[in-house]
Protein backbone atom coordinates (compact mmCIF):
# COMPACT_ATOMS: atom_id res chain seq x y z
CA MET A 1 22.40 207.90 117.00
CA ILE A 2 18.62 208.32 117.16
CA TYR A 3 16.70 210.15 114.44
CA GLU A 4 13.36 211.54 115.54
CA GLY A 5 10.29 210.71 113.49
CA LEU A 6 9.53 208.62 110.48
CA PHE A 7 10.40 211.56 108.21
CA LYS A 8 7.86 213.25 106.02
CA PRO A 9 9.22 214.03 102.55
CA LEU A 10 11.00 217.32 103.32
CA ALA A 11 12.49 216.11 106.58
CA ALA A 12 13.59 212.88 104.97
CA LEU A 13 15.16 214.73 102.08
CA ALA A 14 17.10 216.98 104.44
CA PHE A 15 18.53 213.98 106.20
CA PHE A 16 19.20 212.25 102.89
CA LEU A 17 21.25 215.14 101.51
CA ALA A 18 23.28 215.45 104.69
CA GLY A 19 23.36 211.83 105.76
CA PHE A 20 26.51 210.81 103.93
CA LEU A 21 28.52 213.18 106.11
CA VAL A 22 28.07 210.93 109.15
CA LEU A 23 29.86 208.12 107.38
CA GLY A 24 33.23 209.77 107.86
CA THR A 25 36.08 210.07 105.41
CA GLY A 26 37.01 206.43 105.82
CA TYR A 27 33.92 205.08 104.08
CA ALA A 28 34.62 201.69 102.51
CA HIS A 29 38.40 201.91 102.96
CA GLY A 30 39.94 198.52 103.63
CA LYS A 31 36.76 196.64 102.71
CA GLU A 32 36.51 194.14 99.91
CA ALA A 33 33.79 191.86 98.61
CA PRO A 34 34.46 188.22 99.55
CA SER A 35 36.40 186.26 96.93
CA LYS A 36 34.37 183.11 97.56
CA CYS A 37 30.75 182.46 98.51
CA VAL A 38 27.67 180.31 98.02
CA VAL A 39 24.45 181.95 96.79
CA ILE A 40 21.08 180.22 97.02
CA ASP A 41 18.15 181.81 95.18
CA LYS A 42 14.86 180.46 96.52
CA GLY A 43 13.00 182.22 93.72
CA ILE A 44 14.57 180.09 90.99
CA HIS A 45 15.57 177.05 93.09
CA ARG A 46 19.28 177.29 92.25
CA LEU A 47 22.52 177.20 94.23
CA PHE A 48 25.58 178.98 92.80
CA LEU A 49 29.25 178.70 93.74
CA TYR A 50 31.11 181.98 93.23
CA ARG A 51 34.84 182.56 93.13
CA ASP A 52 36.27 186.01 92.34
CA GLY A 53 32.86 187.19 91.16
CA LYS A 54 32.39 184.36 88.67
CA ALA A 55 29.92 181.48 88.97
CA ILE A 56 31.86 178.21 88.78
CA GLY A 57 28.94 175.92 89.61
CA SER A 58 25.14 175.96 89.45
CA TYR A 59 22.87 173.30 90.97
CA ALA A 60 19.15 172.66 91.41
CA VAL A 61 17.87 172.77 94.99
CA SER A 62 14.86 171.85 97.04
CA ILE A 63 13.89 174.05 99.99
CA GLY A 64 11.37 174.07 102.83
CA ILE A 65 7.80 172.84 102.43
CA ASP A 66 6.74 176.49 102.83
CA SER A 67 8.84 177.61 99.89
CA GLU A 68 7.55 181.21 99.77
CA SER A 69 8.09 182.56 103.30
CA PRO A 70 11.36 183.40 105.04
CA LYS A 71 11.94 181.37 108.19
CA ARG A 72 10.70 183.07 111.35
CA CYS A 73 10.31 180.36 114.00
CA ARG A 74 10.83 176.71 114.88
CA GLY A 75 8.56 174.33 113.00
CA ASP A 76 7.39 176.73 110.27
CA LYS A 77 9.07 174.56 107.59
CA SER A 78 10.48 177.64 105.83
CA THR A 79 14.01 178.24 104.57
CA PRO A 80 15.67 181.36 106.03
CA GLU A 81 16.79 184.36 103.98
CA GLY A 82 19.90 186.34 104.82
CA CYS A 83 23.67 186.22 105.16
CA TYR A 84 25.01 183.12 106.91
CA TYR A 85 28.26 181.22 107.37
CA VAL A 86 29.24 177.57 107.24
CA THR A 87 29.62 176.49 110.86
CA CYS A 88 30.42 172.80 110.41
CA LYS A 89 31.04 170.06 107.85
CA ARG A 90 29.80 166.50 108.35
CA CYS A 91 30.78 163.89 105.81
CA LYS A 92 28.04 161.57 107.07
CA SER A 93 24.52 162.63 108.02
CA ARG A 94 20.90 161.56 107.65
CA PHE A 95 20.85 163.00 104.15
CA TYR A 96 24.32 162.20 102.86
CA LYS A 97 26.75 165.07 103.60
CA PHE A 98 25.84 168.17 105.63
CA LEU A 99 27.03 171.80 105.82
CA GLY A 100 25.70 173.54 108.93
CA LEU A 101 24.70 177.21 108.64
CA SER A 102 24.71 179.99 111.23
CA TYR A 103 20.93 180.33 111.53
CA PRO A 104 19.61 182.28 113.37
CA ASN A 105 21.78 185.31 112.62
CA ARG A 106 21.57 188.83 114.06
CA MET A 107 18.79 189.89 111.71
CA ASP A 108 16.75 186.77 112.48
CA ALA A 109 17.21 187.48 116.18
CA TRP A 110 16.28 191.15 115.77
CA LEU A 111 13.08 190.24 113.92
CA GLY A 112 12.32 187.59 116.54
CA LEU A 113 12.76 190.15 119.32
CA ARG A 114 10.67 192.71 117.43
CA ASN A 115 7.87 190.18 116.92
CA GLY A 116 7.94 188.94 120.50
CA LEU A 117 9.28 185.47 119.69
CA ILE A 118 12.40 185.71 121.85
CA SER A 119 13.50 187.67 124.91
CA SER A 120 16.16 190.36 125.08
CA ARG A 121 18.44 187.87 126.82
CA GLU A 122 18.01 185.37 123.98
CA TYR A 123 18.66 188.09 121.43
CA LEU A 124 21.93 189.00 123.14
CA SER A 125 23.01 185.36 123.35
CA ILE A 126 22.55 184.99 119.59
CA ALA A 127 24.31 188.28 118.83
CA ASP A 128 27.22 187.36 121.12
CA ALA A 129 27.59 183.95 119.45
CA VAL A 130 27.67 185.55 116.00
CA SER A 131 30.27 188.09 117.14
CA ALA A 132 32.44 185.26 118.45
CA ASP A 133 32.11 183.35 115.14
CA GLY A 134 30.36 180.54 116.98
CA SER A 135 27.20 178.54 116.38
CA PRO A 136 24.03 180.35 117.54
CA PRO A 137 22.21 178.82 120.53
CA ALA A 138 19.83 176.04 119.46
CA GLY A 139 17.21 176.29 122.18
CA THR A 140 15.23 179.40 121.16
CA SER A 141 11.84 179.49 119.46
CA LEU A 142 13.52 180.68 116.26
CA GLY A 143 14.70 177.14 115.55
CA SER A 144 18.10 175.80 114.52
CA GLY A 145 19.81 173.02 112.58
CA ILE A 146 19.53 174.68 109.17
CA GLY A 147 22.04 173.57 106.56
CA ILE A 148 22.77 172.29 103.06
CA HIS A 149 22.57 168.53 102.55
CA GLY A 150 22.03 165.77 100.02
CA GLY A 151 19.05 163.51 99.74
CA GLY A 152 17.88 164.67 96.34
CA VAL A 153 16.00 167.57 94.83
CA TYR A 154 12.94 165.34 94.51
CA ARG A 155 11.80 162.99 97.26
CA ASN A 156 9.25 160.19 97.35
CA ASN A 157 6.55 160.99 99.91
CA GLY A 158 5.01 157.54 99.64
CA LYS A 159 2.70 158.42 96.77
CA TYR A 160 4.73 160.44 94.29
CA MET A 161 7.93 162.46 93.90
CA VAL A 162 7.79 165.94 95.45
CA ARG A 163 10.02 169.01 95.49
CA ASP A 164 10.48 171.42 98.42
CA TRP A 165 10.25 168.62 100.95
CA THR A 166 12.58 169.75 103.75
CA ASN A 167 11.82 171.30 107.13
CA GLY A 168 13.83 174.38 106.15
CA CYS A 169 17.19 173.07 104.94
CA ILE A 170 18.49 173.24 101.37
CA ALA A 171 18.61 169.82 99.68
CA VAL A 172 20.55 168.91 96.53
CA ASN A 173 21.31 165.74 94.62
CA ASN A 174 24.10 163.70 96.23
CA GLN A 175 26.54 164.07 93.33
CA ASP A 176 26.06 167.84 93.45
CA MET A 177 26.56 167.79 97.22
CA ASP A 178 30.01 166.29 96.65
CA ALA A 179 31.05 169.36 94.64
CA ILE A 180 29.45 171.83 97.06
CA TYR A 181 30.97 170.09 100.08
CA SER A 182 34.45 170.18 98.52
CA PHE A 183 34.09 173.87 97.61
CA CYS A 184 33.04 175.03 101.08
CA ASN A 185 35.15 175.58 104.17
CA VAL A 186 33.99 176.44 107.66
CA GLY A 187 33.56 180.22 107.76
CA ASP A 188 32.55 180.61 104.10
CA MET A 189 29.67 182.99 103.44
CA VAL A 190 26.31 181.61 102.29
CA ILE A 191 23.71 184.03 100.94
CA ILE A 192 20.09 182.89 100.79
CA LEU A 193 17.79 185.25 98.86
CA ASN A 194 14.48 185.22 97.04
CA SER A 195 14.61 187.01 93.68
CA LYS A 196 10.82 186.86 93.39
CA HIS A 197 10.46 189.43 96.17
CA GLN A 198 10.07 193.14 95.55
CA PHE A 199 13.34 195.09 95.93
CA PHE A 200 12.83 196.16 99.56
CA ASP A 201 11.82 192.68 100.74
CA MET A 202 14.65 191.07 98.77
CA MET A 203 17.25 193.32 100.44
CA ARG A 204 15.75 193.57 103.92
CA PRO A 205 17.23 190.34 105.39
CA PHE A 206 20.76 191.55 104.61
CA GLY A 207 20.77 194.93 106.36
CA THR A 208 22.73 195.93 109.44
CA ASN A 209 20.36 197.55 111.93
CA LEU A 210 21.73 200.89 113.07
CA THR A 211 18.94 202.70 114.89
CA ILE A 212 15.51 202.33 116.40
CA ASP A 213 13.91 205.74 115.93
CA LYS A 214 11.35 207.10 118.36
CA THR A 215 8.52 208.83 116.52
CA SER A 216 7.35 212.34 117.32
CA GLY A 217 5.00 214.90 115.85
CA PRO A 218 1.46 214.63 114.51
CA GLY A 219 0.58 211.29 112.98
CA GLY A 220 3.60 209.47 114.39
CA LYS A 221 2.93 205.76 114.85
CA GLY A 222 5.03 203.01 116.32
CA GLN A 223 8.77 202.99 115.72
CA GLY A 224 11.03 203.42 112.74
CA TYR A 225 14.01 201.22 111.89
CA LEU A 226 17.11 202.04 109.86
CA SER A 227 19.44 199.47 108.33
CA GLU A 228 22.31 199.72 105.84
CA LEU A 229 24.00 197.56 103.22
CA GLU A 230 27.22 198.29 101.33
CA PHE A 231 27.85 196.86 97.85
CA VAL A 232 30.45 196.78 95.10
CA THR A 233 28.68 197.44 91.79
CA VAL A 234 29.64 198.18 88.18
CA PHE A 235 29.00 201.84 89.02
CA GLY A 236 31.27 201.81 92.08
CA GLN A 237 30.69 201.50 95.83
CA VAL A 238 27.08 201.95 96.93
CA LEU A 239 25.47 202.53 100.31
CA LEU A 240 21.85 201.34 100.52
CA ARG A 241 19.68 202.51 103.40
CA LEU A 242 16.34 200.90 104.21
CA ARG A 243 13.84 202.45 106.61
CA GLU A 244 10.62 200.96 107.89
CA GLY A 245 8.09 201.66 110.60
CA ALA A 246 5.68 199.67 112.68
CA ASP A 247 2.96 201.47 110.69
CA TYR A 248 4.32 199.71 107.54
CA SER A 249 5.90 202.87 106.13
CA ARG A 250 9.06 202.22 104.09
CA SER A 251 11.71 204.21 102.25
CA ILE A 252 14.86 203.54 100.21
CA GLU A 253 17.98 205.73 100.08
CA ILE A 254 20.87 205.03 97.70
CA LEU A 255 24.24 206.82 97.70
CA LEU A 256 26.83 206.07 95.01
CA PHE A 257 30.40 206.87 96.04
CA GLY A 258 32.21 205.65 92.94
CA ASP A 259 35.73 204.85 94.09
CA GLY A 260 34.81 205.21 97.76
CA VAL A 261 36.81 208.43 98.19
CA SER A 262 34.95 211.17 96.34
CA ARG A 263 32.68 213.60 98.20
CA PRO A 264 29.84 214.22 97.82
CA PRO A 265 28.24 211.08 96.36
CA SER A 266 27.98 211.24 92.58
CA TYR A 267 24.45 209.82 92.54
CA MET A 268 21.73 209.83 95.20
CA VAL A 269 18.13 208.64 95.37
CA PHE A 270 15.46 209.02 98.02
CA ASP A 271 12.34 206.90 97.37
CA HIS A 272 9.98 207.87 100.18
CA ASN A 273 7.58 204.92 99.84
CA ALA A 274 10.04 202.29 98.53
CA ASP A 275 7.90 201.50 95.50
CA GLY A 276 10.76 201.70 92.99
CA LYS A 277 9.12 204.62 91.16
CA LEU A 278 10.17 208.25 91.36
CA GLY A 279 7.21 210.50 92.11
CA TYR A 280 5.99 213.17 94.51
CA GLY A 281 8.15 213.37 97.61
CA ASP A 282 11.04 211.50 95.98
CA LYS A 283 14.44 212.93 95.06
CA GLN A 284 17.26 212.00 92.70
CA THR A 285 20.49 213.86 92.02
CA GLY A 286 22.98 212.88 89.35
CA SER A 287 22.47 210.19 86.72
CA LEU A 288 23.96 206.92 85.55
CA GLY A 289 25.66 207.04 82.16
CA THR A 290 23.50 208.16 79.26
CA ALA A 291 20.10 207.52 80.87
CA LYS A 292 17.64 210.07 79.48
CA ARG A 293 15.04 209.83 82.22
CA LYS A 294 15.54 209.91 85.98
CA GLN A 295 13.50 206.75 86.31
CA ASP A 296 15.85 204.99 83.88
CA SER A 297 18.82 205.72 86.16
CA TYR A 298 16.90 204.49 89.19
CA ASN A 299 15.84 201.31 87.39
CA ARG A 300 19.44 200.62 86.38
CA MET A 301 20.66 201.09 89.95
CA LEU A 302 17.99 198.81 91.42
CA ALA A 303 18.81 196.12 88.86
CA GLU A 304 22.54 196.41 89.56
CA LEU A 305 22.03 196.17 93.34
CA LYS A 306 20.01 192.98 92.83
CA ASN A 307 22.81 191.64 90.65
CA ALA A 308 25.43 192.55 93.28
CA LEU A 309 23.42 190.72 95.94
CA ARG A 310 23.12 187.62 93.74
CA LYS A 311 26.91 187.57 93.41
CA GLY A 312 27.62 188.20 97.09
CA ARG A 313 29.34 191.53 96.40
CA PHE A 314 28.97 192.96 99.90
CA LEU A 315 31.62 195.35 101.12
CA ALA A 316 30.91 193.98 104.58
CA CYS A 317 28.50 191.17 105.38
CA PRO A 318 26.22 192.26 108.24
CA GLU A 319 26.95 189.06 110.16
CA LYS A 320 30.68 189.72 110.64
């Protein structure tokens, strides 16, 4: 499906109000959030072990030397952000024990293709490997070999102890690695996020890309991209849509389906510039609980979606 244009407010609103119809009556049926996952928050340097929605372990971590940026290419010394899976377990490695992760994933490959870092053939080889539950190819310019290992949160660089010393991996203290290693099995989901990011940037690495929209009409620039995420929240099942263009335009759409069966959605938001504030050109229908102001409902939903991401409460991880 290709949607023409980057959507000025009225056009975007028209799509927003009708968009849920394309989901079909089977929305979210048969999907459940994973019962077990690892969540790494780069923003607070913590790794959490979740089982049945409850944190059963929390550990300090060290990340890449470039601790702020998401990984984009080989040698950038950044830790990736997104949804990954444990691909291997090694009880002996350079830094104690090692859990290999499925970097690069589809989103990493898509961004690499978009930014001219890899070819279409390389993109397809990564996507095919992910679909087959295999390890992504290691020879592309996106890099490889990312994982969780021991070696310590702090490391002596020859002069003093430093944190964030890795080339992109996640490092923990060896005794903590024992617990993490025992908890994880090959195939377990690992979420790497950065809670310091603004909402759009925090969510962006986790979307499933659905369309590349060709622009048309006066003022159209570049291309527009649509991706979706599905969450289980305290309010019910939520569909989050993120749009962005090569001209740096962005928008957020949120549709709350409650039990996943009701039509139409009980709560909807269209934020045309993805700034988290309802203003001119934005739209909200319905409310959440006893919120007196529309902005209060929107704030509550944004906070709950962040919380759902931190707990790995996807209805379907984009990498499966």
